[in-house]
C-alpha atoms as a PDB file:
ATOM      1  CA  UNK A   1       0.000   0.000   0.000  1.00  0.00           C
ATOM      2  CA  UNK A   2       1.082   3.580  -0.656  1.00  0.00           C
ATOM      3  CA  UNK A   3       1.724   5.611   2.463  1.00  0.00           C
ATOM      4  CA  UNK A   4       0.579   8.892   0.844  1.00  0.00           C
ATOM      5  CA  UNK A   5      -2.736  10.570   1.560  1.00  0.00           C
ATOM      6  CA  UNK A   6      -4.144   9.393  -1.803  1.00  0.00           C
ATOM      7  CA  UNK A   7      -4.270   5.840  -3.116  1.00  0.00           C
ATOM      8  CA  UNK A   8      -2.513   4.671  -6.256  1.00  0.00           C
ATOM      9  CA  UNK A   9      -4.717   3.062  -8.882  1.00  0.00           C
ATOM     10  CA  UNK A  10      -3.356  -0.426  -8.212  1.00  0.00           C
ATOM     11  CA  UNK A  11      -3.875  -0.045  -4.450  1.00  0.00           C
ATOM     12  CA  UNK A  12      -7.417   1.236  -4.930  1.00  0.00           C
ATOM     13  CA  UNK A  13      -8.312  -1.705  -7.175  1.00  0.00           C
ATOM     14  CA  UNK A  14      -6.797  -4.179  -4.663  1.00  0.00           C
ATOM     15  CA  UNK A  15      -8.724  -2.586  -1.790  1.00  0.00           C
ATOM     16  CA  UNK A  16     -12.005  -2.641  -3.687  1.00  0.00           C
ATOM     17  CA  UNK A  17     -11.464  -6.297  -4.603  1.00  0.00           C
ATOM     18  CA  UNK A  18     -10.787  -7.156  -0.954  1.00  0.00           C
ATOM     19  CA  UNK A  19     -13.980  -5.437   0.172  1.00  0.00           C
ATOM     20  CA  UNK A  20     -16.092  -6.887  -2.665  1.00  0.00           C
ATOM     21  CA  UNK A  21     -17.082 -10.059  -0.815  1.00  0.00           C
ATOM     22  CA  UNK A  22     -20.156 -10.383   1.455  1.00  0.00           C
ATOM     23  CA  UNK A  23     -18.405 -11.621   4.607  1.00  0.00           C
ATOM     24  CA  UNK A  24     -15.534  -9.155   4.295  1.00  0.00           C
ATOM     25  CA  UNK A  25     -17.965  -6.282   3.817  1.00  0.00           C
ATOM     26  CA  UNK A  26     -19.843  -7.434   6.931  1.00  0.00           C
ATOM     27  CA  UNK A  27     -16.532  -7.442   8.820  1.00  0.00           C
ATOM     28  CA  UNK A  28     -15.841  -3.865   7.712  1.00  0.00           C
ATOM     29  CA  UNK A  29     -19.300  -2.836   8.891  1.00  0.00           C
ATOM     30  CA  UNK A  30     -18.675  -4.386  12.308  1.00  0.00           C
ATOM     31  CA  UNK A  31     -15.188  -2.873  12.698  1.00  0.00           C
ATOM     32  CA  UNK A  32     -16.564   0.549  11.785  1.00  0.00           C
ATOM     33  CA  UNK A  33     -18.425   0.289  15.092  1.00  0.00           C
ATOM     34  CA  UNK A  34     -15.308  -0.492  17.140  1.00  0.00           C
ATOM     35  CA  UNK A  35     -12.378  -2.881  17.456  1.00  0.00           C
ATOM     36  CA  UNK A  36     -13.082  -6.616  17.713  1.00  0.00           C
ATOM     37  CA  UNK A  37     -11.009  -9.795  17.964  1.00  0.00           C
ATOM     38  CA  UNK A  38     -11.239 -13.011  15.943  1.00  0.00           C
ATOM     39  CA  UNK A  39     -13.364 -14.761  18.539  1.00  0.00           C
ATOM     40  CA  UNK A  40     -15.830 -11.857  18.564  1.00  0.00           C
ATOM     41  CA  UNK A  41     -16.197 -12.028  14.794  1.00  0.00           C
ATOM     42  CA  UNK A  42     -16.679 -15.809  14.752  1.00  0.00           C
ATOM     43  CA  UNK A  43     -19.484 -15.490  17.316  1.00  0.00           C
ATOM     44  CA  UNK A  44     -21.168 -12.606  15.510  1.00  0.00           C
ATOM     45  CA  UNK A  45     -20.865 -13.972  11.974  1.00  0.00           C
ATOM     46  CA  UNK A  46     -21.313 -17.645  12.850  1.00  0.00           C
ATOM     47  CA  UNK A  47     -18.305 -18.769  10.821  1.00  0.00           C
ATOM     48  CA  UNK A  48     -15.213 -20.809  11.663  1.00  0.00           C
ATOM     49  CA  UNK A  49     -12.056 -19.195  12.988  1.00  0.00           C
ATOM     50  CA  UNK A  50      -9.877 -20.237   9.997  1.00  0.00           C
ATOM     51  CA  UNK A  51     -12.354 -18.690   7.575  1.00  0.00           C
ATOM     52  CA  UNK A  52     -12.616 -15.449   9.547  1.00  0.00           C
ATOM     53  CA  UNK A  53      -8.839 -15.290   9.909  1.00  0.00           C
ATOM     54  CA  UNK A  54      -8.461 -15.647   6.141  1.00  0.00           C
ATOM     55  CA  UNK A  55     -10.859 -12.779   5.494  1.00  0.00           C
ATOM     56  CA  UNK A  56      -9.059 -10.596   8.038  1.00  0.00           C
ATOM     57  CA  UNK A  57      -5.694 -11.343   6.443  1.00  0.00           C
ATOM     58  CA  UNK A  58      -6.947 -10.171   3.037  1.00  0.00           C
ATOM     59  CA  UNK A  59      -8.440  -7.000   4.492  1.00  0.00           C
ATOM     60  CA  UNK A  60      -5.183  -6.232   6.322  1.00  0.00           C
ATOM     61  CA  UNK A  61      -3.098  -6.804   3.209  1.00  0.00           C
ATOM     62  CA  UNK A  62      -5.342  -4.386   1.309  1.00  0.00           C
ATOM     63  CA  UNK A  63      -4.781  -1.708   3.962  1.00  0.00           C
ATOM     64  CA  UNK A  64      -8.472  -1.496   4.893  1.00  0.00           C
ATOM     65  CA  UNK A  65      -7.978  -2.681   8.483  1.00  0.00           C
ATOM     66  CA  UNK A  66      -5.133  -3.083  10.969  1.00  0.00           C
ATOM     67  CA  UNK A  67      -4.329  -5.652  13.622  1.00  0.00           C
ATOM     68  CA  UNK A  68      -2.670  -5.257  17.003  1.00  0.00           C
ATOM     69  CA  UNK A  69      -1.763  -7.696  19.748  1.00  0.00           C
ATOM     70  CA  UNK A  70      -3.214  -7.178  23.224  1.00  0.00           C
ATOM     71  CA  UNK A  71      -1.612  -9.793  25.454  1.00  0.00           C
ATOM     72  CA  UNK A  72      -2.707 -13.165  24.079  1.00  0.00           C
ATOM     73  CA  UNK A  73      -5.512 -11.588  22.013  1.00  0.00           C
ATOM     74  CA  UNK A  74      -5.305  -9.989  18.572  1.00  0.00           C
ATOM     75  CA  UNK A  75      -7.716  -7.140  17.820  1.00  0.00           C
ATOM     76  CA  UNK A  76      -8.675  -5.541  14.505  1.00  0.00           C
ATOM     77  CA  UNK A  77      -9.928  -2.068  13.631  1.00  0.00           C
ATOM     78  CA  UNK A  78     -10.456   0.149  10.596  1.00  0.00           C
ATOM     79  CA  UNK A  79      -7.061   1.501   9.556  1.00  0.00           C
ATOM     80  CA  UNK A  80      -6.442   5.029  10.815  1.00  0.00           C
ATOM     81  CA  UNK A  81      -2.957   5.287   9.302  1.00  0.00           C
ATOM     82  CA  UNK A  82      -3.568   4.339   5.681  1.00  0.00           C
ATOM     83  CA  UNK A  83      -5.847   5.748   2.952  1.00  0.00           C
ATOM     84  CA  UNK A  84      -7.580   2.367   2.847  1.00  0.00           C
ATOM     85  CA  UNK A  85      -9.188   3.135   6.181  1.00  0.00           C
ATOM     86  CA  UNK A  86     -10.962   6.165   4.753  1.00  0.00           C
ATOM     87  CA  UNK A  87     -12.072   4.079   1.784  1.00  0.00           C
ATOM     88  CA  UNK A  88     -13.487   1.416   4.116  1.00  0.00           C
ATOM     89  CA  UNK A  89     -15.525   4.014   6.002  1.00  0.00           C
ATOM     90  CA  UNK A  90     -16.876   5.451   2.747  1.00  0.00           C
ATOM     91  CA  UNK A  91     -17.898   1.988   1.560  1.00  0.00           C
ATOM     92  CA  UNK A  92     -19.756   1.001   4.727  1.00  0.00           C
ATOM     93  CA  UNK A  93     -21.486   4.390   4.883  1.00  0.00           C
ATOM     94  CA  UNK A  94     -23.395   3.449   1.712  1.00  0.00           C
ATOM     95  CA  UNK A  95     -24.670   0.119   3.026  1.00  0.00           C
ATOM     96  CA  UNK A  96     -28.361  -0.009   3.964  1.00  0.00           C
ATOM     97  CA  UNK A  97     -28.369  -0.275   7.813  1.00  0.00           C
ATOM     98  CA  UNK A  98     -31.845  -1.879   7.737  1.00  0.00           C
ATOM     99  CA  UNK A  99     -30.782  -4.835   5.592  1.00  0.00           C
ATOM    100  CA  UNK A 100     -31.543  -8.040   7.498  1.00  0.00           C
ATOM    101  CA  UNK A 101     -27.988  -9.423   7.700  1.00  0.00           C
ATOM    102  CA  UNK A 102     -26.541  -6.021   8.602  1.00  0.00           C
ATOM    103  CA  UNK A 103     -29.100  -5.472  11.335  1.00  0.00           C
ATOM    104  CA  UNK A 104     -28.586  -8.991  12.697  1.00  0.00           C
ATOM    105  CA  UNK A 105     -24.798  -8.549  12.849  1.00  0.00           C
ATOM    106  CA  UNK A 106     -25.166  -5.209  14.596  1.00  0.00           C
ATOM    107  CA  UNK A 107     -27.567  -6.664  17.183  1.00  0.00           C
ATOM    108  CA  UNK A 108     -25.196  -9.566  17.928  1.00  0.00           C
ATOM    109  CA  UNK A 109     -22.271  -7.153  18.281  1.00  0.00           C
ATOM    110  CA  UNK A 110     -24.247  -4.957  20.672  1.00  0.00           C
ATOM    111  CA  UNK A 111     -25.219  -7.998  22.749  1.00  0.00           C
ATOM    112  CA  UNK A 112     -21.578  -9.063  22.957  1.00  0.00           C
ATOM    113  CA  UNK A 113     -20.487  -5.562  24.006  1.00  0.00           C
ATOM    114  CA  UNK A 114     -23.209  -5.369  26.674  1.00  0.00           C
ATOM    115  CA  UNK A 115     -22.044  -8.683  28.135  1.00  0.00           C
ATOM    116  CA  UNK A 116     -18.467  -7.384  28.294  1.00  0.00           C
ATOM    117  CA  UNK A 117     -19.547  -4.088  29.808  1.00  0.00           C
ATOM    118  CA  UNK A 118     -21.510  -5.944  32.467  1.00  0.00           C
ATOM    119  CA  UNK A 119     -18.516  -8.120  33.401  1.00  0.00           C
ATOM    120  CA  UNK A 120     -16.207  -5.114  33.459  1.00  0.00           C
ATOM    121  CA  UNK A 121     -18.640  -3.096  35.553  1.00  0.00           C
ATOM    122  CA  UNK A 122     -18.818  -5.939  38.079  1.00  0.00           C
ATOM    123  CA  UNK A 123     -15.044  -5.864  38.402  1.00  0.00           C
ATOM    124  CA  UNK A 124     -15.069  -2.081  38.811  1.00  0.00           C
ATOM    125  CA  UNK A 125     -17.763  -2.202  41.501  1.00  0.00           C
ATOM    126  CA  UNK A 126     -15.818  -4.857  43.418  1.00  0.00           C
ATOM    127  CA  UNK A 127     -12.783  -2.552  43.584  1.00  0.00           C
ATOM    128  CA  UNK A 128     -14.496   0.834  43.671  1.00  0.00           C
ATOM    129  CA  UNK A 129     -14.491   0.975  47.472  1.00  0.00           C
ATOM    130  CA  UNK A 130     -10.692   0.748  47.584  1.00  0.00           C
ATOM    131  CA  UNK A 131     -10.249   3.475  44.975  1.00  0.00           C
ATOM    132  CA  UNK A 132     -12.874   5.708  46.577  1.00  0.00           C
ATOM    133  CA  UNK A 133     -11.111   5.408  49.941  1.00  0.00           C
ATOM    134  CA  UNK A 134      -7.912   6.804  48.413  1.00  0.00           C
ATOM    135  CA  UNK A 135      -9.807   9.590  46.614  1.00  0.00           C
ATOM    136  CA  UNK A 136     -11.161  10.839  49.940  1.00  0.00           C
ATOM    137  CA  UNK A 137      -7.565  11.552  50.988  1.00  0.00           C
ATOM    138  CA  UNK A 138      -6.920  14.213  48.343  1.00  0.00           C
ATOM    139  CA  UNK A 139      -8.650  17.054  46.528  1.00  0.00           C
ATOM    140  CA  UNK A 140     -11.686  16.281  44.407  1.00  0.00           C
ATOM    141  CA  UNK A 141     -10.986  14.427  41.188  1.00  0.00           C
ATOM    142  CA  UNK A 142     -12.628  17.209  39.199  1.00  0.00           C
ATOM    143  CA  UNK A 143     -10.032  19.638  40.543  1.00  0.00           C
ATOM    144  CA  UNK A 144      -7.199  17.273  39.584  1.00  0.00           C
ATOM    145  CA  UNK A 145      -8.619  16.841  36.095  1.00  0.00           C
ATOM    146  CA  UNK A 146      -9.038  20.592  35.672  1.00  0.00           C
ATOM    147  CA  UNK A 147      -5.373  21.067  36.614  1.00  0.00           C
ATOM    148  CA  UNK A 148      -4.357  18.383  34.107  1.00  0.00           C
ATOM    149  CA  UNK A 149      -6.230  20.047  31.258  1.00  0.00           C
ATOM    150  CA  UNK A 150      -4.866  23.441  32.253  1.00  0.00           C
ATOM    151  CA  UNK A 151      -1.271  22.196  32.343  1.00  0.00           C
ATOM    152  CA  UNK A 152      -1.317  20.222  29.111  1.00  0.00           C
ATOM    153  CA  UNK A 153      -3.028  22.969  27.139  1.00  0.00           C
ATOM    154  CA  UNK A 154      -5.554  22.943  24.334  1.00  0.00           C
ATOM    155  CA  UNK A 155      -3.456  21.036  21.813  1.00  0.00           C
ATOM    156  CA  UNK A 156      -4.679  19.742  19.478  1.00  0.00           C
ATOM    157  CA  UNK A 157      -2.519  16.620  19.688  1.00  0.00           C
ATOM    158  CA  UNK A 158      -2.220  14.303  16.714  1.00  0.00           C
ATOM    159  CA  UNK A 159      -1.136  11.295  18.822  1.00  0.00           C
ATOM    160  CA  UNK A 160      -1.921  11.196  22.562  1.00  0.00           C
ATOM    161  CA  UNK A 161      -0.613   8.374  24.792  1.00  0.00           C
ATOM    162  CA  UNK A 162      -1.874   7.507  28.283  1.00  0.00           C
ATOM    163  CA  UNK A 163       0.551   5.255  30.179  1.00  0.00           C
ATOM    164  CA  UNK A 164      -1.076   3.101  32.849  1.00  0.00           C
ATOM    165  CA  UNK A 165      -4.497   3.954  31.442  1.00  0.00           C
ATOM    166  CA  UNK A 166      -6.478   1.984  34.056  1.00  0.00           C
ATOM    167  CA  UNK A 167     -10.167   2.710  33.400  1.00  0.00           C
ATOM    168  CA  UNK A 168      -9.361   4.871  30.380  1.00  0.00           C
ATOM    169  CA  UNK A 169     -10.593   7.991  32.162  1.00  0.00           C
ATOM    170  CA  UNK A 170      -7.631  10.130  31.015  1.00  0.00           C
ATOM    171  CA  UNK A 171      -8.345   9.259  27.378  1.00  0.00           C
ATOM    172  CA  UNK A 172     -11.958  10.254  27.920  1.00  0.00           C
ATOM    173  CA  UNK A 173     -10.864  13.501  29.614  1.00  0.00           C
ATOM    174  CA  UNK A 174      -8.694  14.614  26.688  1.00  0.00           C
ATOM    175  CA  UNK A 175     -10.753  13.116  23.836  1.00  0.00           C
ATOM    176  CA  UNK A 176     -11.667  16.591  22.593  1.00  0.00           C
ATOM    177  CA  UNK A 177      -7.986  17.489  22.214  1.00  0.00           C
ATOM    178  CA  UNK A 178      -6.475  14.618  20.239  1.00  0.00           C
ATOM    179  CA  UNK A 179      -6.898  13.013  16.821  1.00  0.00           C
ATOM    180  CA  UNK A 180      -5.645   9.573  17.912  1.00  0.00           C
ATOM    181  CA  UNK A 181      -5.438   8.301  21.485  1.00  0.00           C
ATOM    182  CA  UNK A 182      -3.750   5.189  22.851  1.00  0.00           C
ATOM    183  CA  UNK A 183      -3.917   3.856  26.405  1.00  0.00           C
ATOM    184  CA  UNK A 184      -1.428   1.239  27.631  1.00  0.00           C
ATOM    185  CA  UNK A 185      -1.694  -0.933  30.733  1.00  0.00           C
ATOM    186  CA  UNK A 186      -0.441  -4.328  31.927  1.00  0.00           C
ATOM    187  CA  UNK A 187      -3.713  -5.217  33.668  1.00  0.00           C
ATOM    188  CA  UNK A 188      -5.874  -7.154  31.207  1.00  0.00           C
ATOM    189  CA  UNK A 189      -9.015  -6.849  33.318  1.00  0.00           C
ATOM    190  CA  UNK A 190      -8.655  -3.085  33.494  1.00  0.00           C
ATOM    191  CA  UNK A 191      -8.117  -2.989  29.735  1.00  0.00           C
ATOM    192  CA  UNK A 192     -11.418  -4.803  29.280  1.00  0.00           C
ATOM    193  CA  UNK A 193     -13.133  -2.226  31.473  1.00  0.00           C
ATOM    194  CA  UNK A 194     -11.399   0.672  29.700  1.00  0.00           C
ATOM    195  CA  UNK A 195     -12.366  -0.636  26.272  1.00  0.00           C
ATOM    196  CA  UNK A 196     -16.004  -1.024  27.324  1.00  0.00           C
ATOM    197  CA  UNK A 197     -16.022   2.350  29.056  1.00  0.00           C
ATOM    198  CA  UNK A 198     -14.614   4.207  26.050  1.00  0.00           C
ATOM    199  CA  UNK A 199     -17.028   2.432  23.721  1.00  0.00           C
ATOM    200  CA  UNK A 200     -19.978   3.381  25.928  1.00  0.00           C
ATOM    201  CA  UNK A 201     -18.817   7.022  26.016  1.00  0.00           C
ATOM    202  CA  UNK A 202     -18.414   7.154  22.245  1.00  0.00           C
ATOM    203  CA  UNK A 203     -14.634   7.744  22.346  1.00  0.00           C
ATOM    204  CA  UNK A 204     -14.019   6.246  18.909  1.00  0.00           C
ATOM    205  CA  UNK A 205     -10.654   7.988  18.465  1.00  0.00           C
ATOM    206  CA  UNK A 206      -9.102   6.135  21.427  1.00  0.00           C
ATOM    207  CA  UNK A 207      -7.789   2.573  21.687  1.00  0.00           C
ATOM    208  CA  UNK A 208      -6.306   0.628  24.585  1.00  0.00           C
ATOM    209  CA  UNK A 209      -3.644  -2.086  24.444  1.00  0.00           C
ATOM    210  CA  UNK A 210      -1.512  -4.222  26.674  1.00  0.00           C
ATOM    211  CA  UNK A 211       1.838  -2.518  27.214  1.00  0.00           C
ATOM    212  CA  UNK A 212       4.905  -2.396  29.455  1.00  0.00           C
ATOM    213  CA  UNK A 213       5.912   1.086  30.639  1.00  0.00           C
ATOM    214  CA  UNK A 214       9.551   0.041  30.777  1.00  0.00           C
ATOM    215  CA  UNK A 215       9.577  -1.068  27.121  1.00  0.00           C
ATOM    216  CA  UNK A 216       6.932   0.685  25.063  1.00  0.00           C
ATOM    217  CA  UNK A 217       6.023  -0.856  21.721  1.00  0.00           C
ATOM    218  CA  UNK A 218       6.119   2.577  20.103  1.00  0.00           C
ATOM    219  CA  UNK A 219       8.621   4.140  17.738  1.00  0.00           C
ATOM    220  CA  UNK A 220      10.898   7.003  18.793  1.00  0.00           C
ATOM    221  CA  UNK A 221       9.538  10.566  18.609  1.00  0.00           C
ATOM    222  CA  UNK A 222       5.986   9.447  17.804  1.00  0.00           C
ATOM    223  CA  UNK A 223       3.716  11.019  20.449  1.00  0.00           C
ATOM    224  CA  UNK A 224       2.727  14.672  20.790  1.00  0.00           C
ATOM    225  CA  UNK A 225       1.576  14.202  24.382  1.00  0.00           C
ATOM    226  CA  UNK A 226       2.155  11.505  27.005  1.00  0.00           C
ATOM    227  CA  UNK A 227       0.351  11.326  30.358  1.00  0.00           C
ATOM    228  CA  UNK A 228       1.299   9.317  33.458  1.00  0.00           C
ATOM    229  CA  UNK A 229      -1.598   9.776  35.870  1.00  0.00           C
ATOM    230  CA  UNK A 230      -1.137   8.198  39.316  1.00  0.00           C
ATOM    231  CA  UNK A 231       1.274   5.640  37.883  1.00  0.00           C
ATOM    232  CA  UNK A 232       4.785   6.397  39.178  1.00  0.00           C
ATOM    233  CA  UNK A 233       4.055   5.371  42.768  1.00  0.00           C
ATOM    234  CA  UNK A 234       3.359   1.802  41.563  1.00  0.00           C
ATOM    235  CA  UNK A 235       6.745   1.495  39.855  1.00  0.00           C
ATOM    236  CA  UNK A 236       9.989   0.181  41.281  1.00  0.00           C
ATOM    237  CA  UNK A 237      11.973   2.342  38.844  1.00  0.00           C
ATOM    238  CA  UNK A 238      10.090   5.570  38.033  1.00  0.00           C
ATOM    239  CA  UNK A 239      13.142   7.162  36.414  1.00  0.00           C
ATOM    240  CA  UNK A 240      13.328   4.373  33.851  1.00  0.00           C
ATOM    241  CA  UNK A 241       9.638   4.751  32.985  1.00  0.00           C
ATOM    242  CA  UNK A 242      10.063   8.515  32.528  1.00  0.00           C
ATOM    243  CA  UNK A 243      13.029   7.961  30.242  1.00  0.00           C
ATOM    244  CA  UNK A 244      11.020   5.546  28.123  1.00  0.00           C
ATOM    245  CA  UNK A 245       8.136   8.039  27.956  1.00  0.00           C
ATOM    246  CA  UNK A 246      10.615  10.706  26.823  1.00  0.00           C
ATOM    247  CA  UNK A 247      11.871   8.418  24.066  1.00  0.00           C
ATOM    248  CA  UNK A 248       8.487   8.286  22.335  1.00  0.00           C
ATOM    249  CA  UNK A 249       7.855  12.054  22.569  1.00  0.00           C
ATOM    250  CA  UNK A 250       8.187  13.994  19.350  1.00  0.00           C
ATOM    251  CA  UNK A 251      10.256  17.220  19.419  1.00  0.00           C
ATOM    252  CA  UNK A 252       8.184  19.784  21.287  1.00  0.00           C
ATOM    253  CA  UNK A 253       5.976  17.025  22.711  1.00  0.00           C
ATOM    254  CA  UNK A 254       4.635  17.252  26.267  1.00  0.00           C
ATOM    255  CA  UNK A 255       4.864  14.861  29.204  1.00  0.00           C
ATOM    256  CA  UNK A 256       2.295  15.303  31.988  1.00  0.00           C
ATOM    257  CA  UNK A 257       2.880  13.517  35.300  1.00  0.00           C
ATOM    258  CA  UNK A 258       0.305  13.433  38.102  1.00  0.00           C
ATOM    259  CA  UNK A 259       1.197  11.805  41.402  1.00  0.00           C
ATOM    260  CA  UNK A 260       1.391  12.294  45.147  1.00  0.00           C
ATOM    261  CA  UNK A 261       3.760  14.571  47.009  1.00  0.00           C
ATOM    262  CA  UNK A 262       5.784  12.841  49.770  1.00  0.00           C
ATOM    263  CA  UNK A 263       3.631  11.405  52.563  1.00  0.00           C
ATOM    264  CA  UNK A 264       3.814   8.848  55.384  1.00  0.00           C
ATOM    265  CA  UNK A 265       0.729   6.729  54.790  1.00  0.00           C
ATOM    266  CA  UNK A 266       2.338   3.304  55.051  1.00  0.00           C
ATOM    267  CA  UNK A 267      -0.970   1.483  54.578  1.00  0.00           C
ATOM    268  CA  UNK A 268      -0.844   2.495  50.908  1.00  0.00           C
ATOM    269  CA  UNK A 269       2.340   0.485  50.589  1.00  0.00           C
ATOM    270  CA  UNK A 270       1.046  -2.575  52.417  1.00  0.00           C
ATOM    271  CA  UNK A 271      -2.592  -2.631  51.272  1.00  0.00           C
ATOM    272  CA  UNK A 272      -2.582  -0.845  47.912  1.00  0.00           C
ATOM    273  CA  UNK A 273       0.807  -2.019  46.537  1.00  0.00           C
ATOM    274  CA  UNK A 274       2.308   1.471  46.328  1.00  0.00           C
ATOM    275  CA  UNK A 275       6.062   1.151  45.781  1.00  0.00           C
ATOM    276  CA  UNK A 276       6.748   4.827  46.553  1.00  0.00           C
ATOM    277  CA  UNK A 277       5.177   7.139  49.107  1.00  0.00           C
ATOM    278  CA  UNK A 278       5.131  10.230  46.910  1.00  0.00           C
ATOM    279  CA  UNK A 279       7.766  12.338  45.170  1.00  0.00           C
ATOM    280  CA  UNK A 280       9.412  15.712  45.735  1.00  0.00           C
ATOM    281  CA  UNK A 281       9.567  18.448  43.114  1.00  0.00           C
ATOM    282  CA  UNK A 282      13.339  18.090  42.888  1.00  0.00           C
ATOM    283  CA  UNK A 283      13.177  14.308  42.540  1.00  0.00           C
ATOM    284  CA  UNK A 284      10.852  14.383  39.528  1.00  0.00           C
ATOM    285  CA  UNK A 285      12.608  17.392  37.985  1.00  0.00           C
ATOM    286  CA  UNK A 286      15.877  15.483  38.156  1.00  0.00           C
ATOM    287  CA  UNK A 287      14.384  12.458  36.409  1.00  0.00           C
ATOM    288  CA  UNK A 288      12.866  14.676  33.709  1.00  0.00           C
ATOM    289  CA  UNK A 289      16.196  16.409  33.035  1.00  0.00           C
ATOM    290  CA  UNK A 290      18.061  13.102  32.987  1.00  0.00           C
ATOM    291  CA  UNK A 291      15.582  11.927  30.348  1.00  0.00           C
ATOM    292  CA  UNK A 292      16.425  14.922  28.181  1.00  0.00           C
ATOM    293  CA  UNK A 293      13.212  16.814  28.928  1.00  0.00           C
ATOM    294  CA  UNK A 294      12.727  20.427  30.002  1.00  0.00           C
ATOM    295  CA  UNK A 295      10.567  20.911  33.135  1.00  0.00           C
ATOM    296  CA  UNK A 296       7.996  23.620  32.398  1.00  0.00           C
ATOM    297  CA  UNK A 297       5.634  23.829  35.372  1.00  0.00           C
ATOM    298  CA  UNK A 298       4.643  22.194  38.646  1.00  0.00           C
ATOM    299  CA  UNK A 299       1.460  22.643  40.667  1.00  0.00           C
ATOM    300  CA  UNK A 300       0.559  21.275  44.097  1.00  0.00           C
ATOM    301  CA  UNK A 301      -3.106  20.550  44.844  1.00  0.00           C
ATOM    302  CA  UNK A 302      -3.334  20.482  48.623  1.00  0.00           C
ATOM    303  CA  UNK A 303      -6.657  19.584  50.275  1.00  0.00           C
ATOM    304  CA  UNK A 304      -8.042  21.229  53.382  1.00  0.00           C
ATOM    305  CA  UNK A 305      -6.828  19.197  56.333  1.00  0.00           C
ATOM    306  CA  UNK A 306      -9.825  19.870  58.598  1.00  0.00           C
ATOM    307  CA  UNK A 307      -7.839  18.484  61.525  1.00  0.00           C
ATOM    308  CA  UNK A 308      -6.819  15.289  59.685  1.00  0.00           C
ATOM    309  CA  UNK A 309      -3.198  14.209  59.348  1.00  0.00           C
ATOM    310  CA  UNK A 310      -3.722  11.671  56.559  1.00  0.00           C
ATOM    311  CA  UNK A 311      -4.440  13.996  53.638  1.00  0.00           C
ATOM    312  CA  UNK A 312      -2.496  13.703  50.392  1.00  0.00           C
ATOM    313  CA  UNK A 313      -1.193  16.480  48.170  1.00  0.00           C
ATOM    314  CA  UNK A 314      -1.453  15.778  44.438  1.00  0.00           C
ATOM    315  CA  UNK A 315       1.293  17.290  42.281  1.00  0.00           C
ATOM    316  CA  UNK A 316       1.046  17.990  38.552  1.00  0.00           C
ATOM    317  CA  UNK A 317       4.329  18.199  36.611  1.00  0.00           C
ATOM    318  CA  UNK A 318       4.668  19.291  32.976  1.00  0.00           C
ATOM    319  CA  UNK A 319       7.791  18.835  30.844  1.00  0.00           C
ATOM    320  CA  UNK A 320       8.556  19.230  27.152  1.00  0.00           C
ATOM    321  CA  UNK A 321      10.851  17.505  24.712  1.00  0.00           C
ATOM    322  CA  UNK A 322      13.348  19.931  23.126  1.00  0.00           C
ATOM    323  CA  UNK A 323      12.551  20.853  19.542  1.00  0.00           C
ATOM    324  CA  UNK A 324      16.021  19.665  18.510  1.00  0.00           C
ATOM    325  CA  UNK A 325      17.241  16.663  20.497  1.00  0.00           C
ATOM    326  CA  UNK A 326      19.609  13.750  20.309  1.00  0.00           C
ATOM    327  CA  UNK A 327      17.953  10.342  19.835  1.00  0.00           C
ATOM    328  CA  UNK A 328      17.193   8.512  23.069  1.00  0.00           C
ATOM    329  CA  UNK A 329      18.182   4.849  23.045  1.00  0.00           C
ATOM    330  CA  UNK A 330      15.401   2.440  23.894  1.00  0.00           C
ATOM    331  CA  UNK A 331      15.989   0.650  27.202  1.00  0.00           C
ATOM    332  CA  UNK A 332      15.328  -3.023  27.753  1.00  0.00           C
ATOM    333  CA  UNK A 333      12.644  -3.903  30.254  1.00  0.00           C
ATOM    334  CA  UNK A 334      13.722  -5.008  33.759  1.00  0.00           C
ATOM    335  CA  UNK A 335      12.948  -8.474  35.003  1.00  0.00           C
ATOM    336  CA  UNK A 336      10.204  -7.548  37.459  1.00  0.00           C
ATOM    337  CA  UNK A 337       6.610  -6.993  36.336  1.00  0.00           C
ATOM    338  CA  UNK A 338       5.252  -3.489  36.098  1.00  0.00           C
ATOM    339  CA  UNK A 339       2.246  -2.714  38.216  1.00  0.00           C
ATOM    340  CA  UNK A 340       0.162   0.184  36.962  1.00  0.00           C
ATOM    341  CA  UNK A 341      -2.505   2.212  38.697  1.00  0.00           C
ATOM    342  CA  UNK A 342      -6.223   1.507  38.293  1.00  0.00           C
ATOM    343  CA  UNK A 343      -8.086   4.728  37.987  1.00  0.00           C
END
């Protein structure tokens, strides 16, 4: 496929041939509504896995769709990086939505998504009490989110990356400011919740994938904005994660870090798996500079104590990648697993 904005004649003919088959057109219609994996498509279309896989391979080769690995699963979506993706959307837009097979596929897909959303919501409700307990220790979440939007600015950002995406809330928060959003997390259950949550909120420009913060599966200088929201305190090596985030920032790109200021609440270490009990301004600034970034601003959000001695200050750091910078060498992942925050 040509990588230009317009398709060459040969590529256009190949793409049209790939789409000109009933099952493959049905697949395009389904993927226009959101990303799905092979198992999803076999259940919806009632066909065998080998047959579905063959259709998907042809659509990928024609540049109409793309695949990505999420742990042990492989998901597919309409291509957002090749002209074939735009062609696919134009083709499905002309299909009669009331046609029996189209309507039946859509109903099966919606049923499948509702089942996933229900399972994910159950997981969220089971853990919500723990997360809510921590939220009561700092300023209101709406104030934190307002500070995040204020610090990062209006954008717009072509490619926005949320590291340790958890519930996908940060992607939802900035959806009006990016063209493409990607959330990475190592927790597969949280990814399921995030995917369902974003789908329910209509955040079609955002995707979530399994990813290791110490070894991102992203090319150098690719992202315009990277966010690490309540993630660093779960990491055994925050400096390494910041350096890896800096590697994927494009020149002039922004890194936003949100985490706790130093505190002495040991129960967060023993009960909530926090590796670090907060960070000082100087500590984070040093890591940012070592990663080749330029610290731009820092803001402390301190709650009213009201006589309590267990309140947490949330700090918001912003740094930028220099417009002209030396390449940053990708670092191999450490042996230990990365634990990322659920938000």
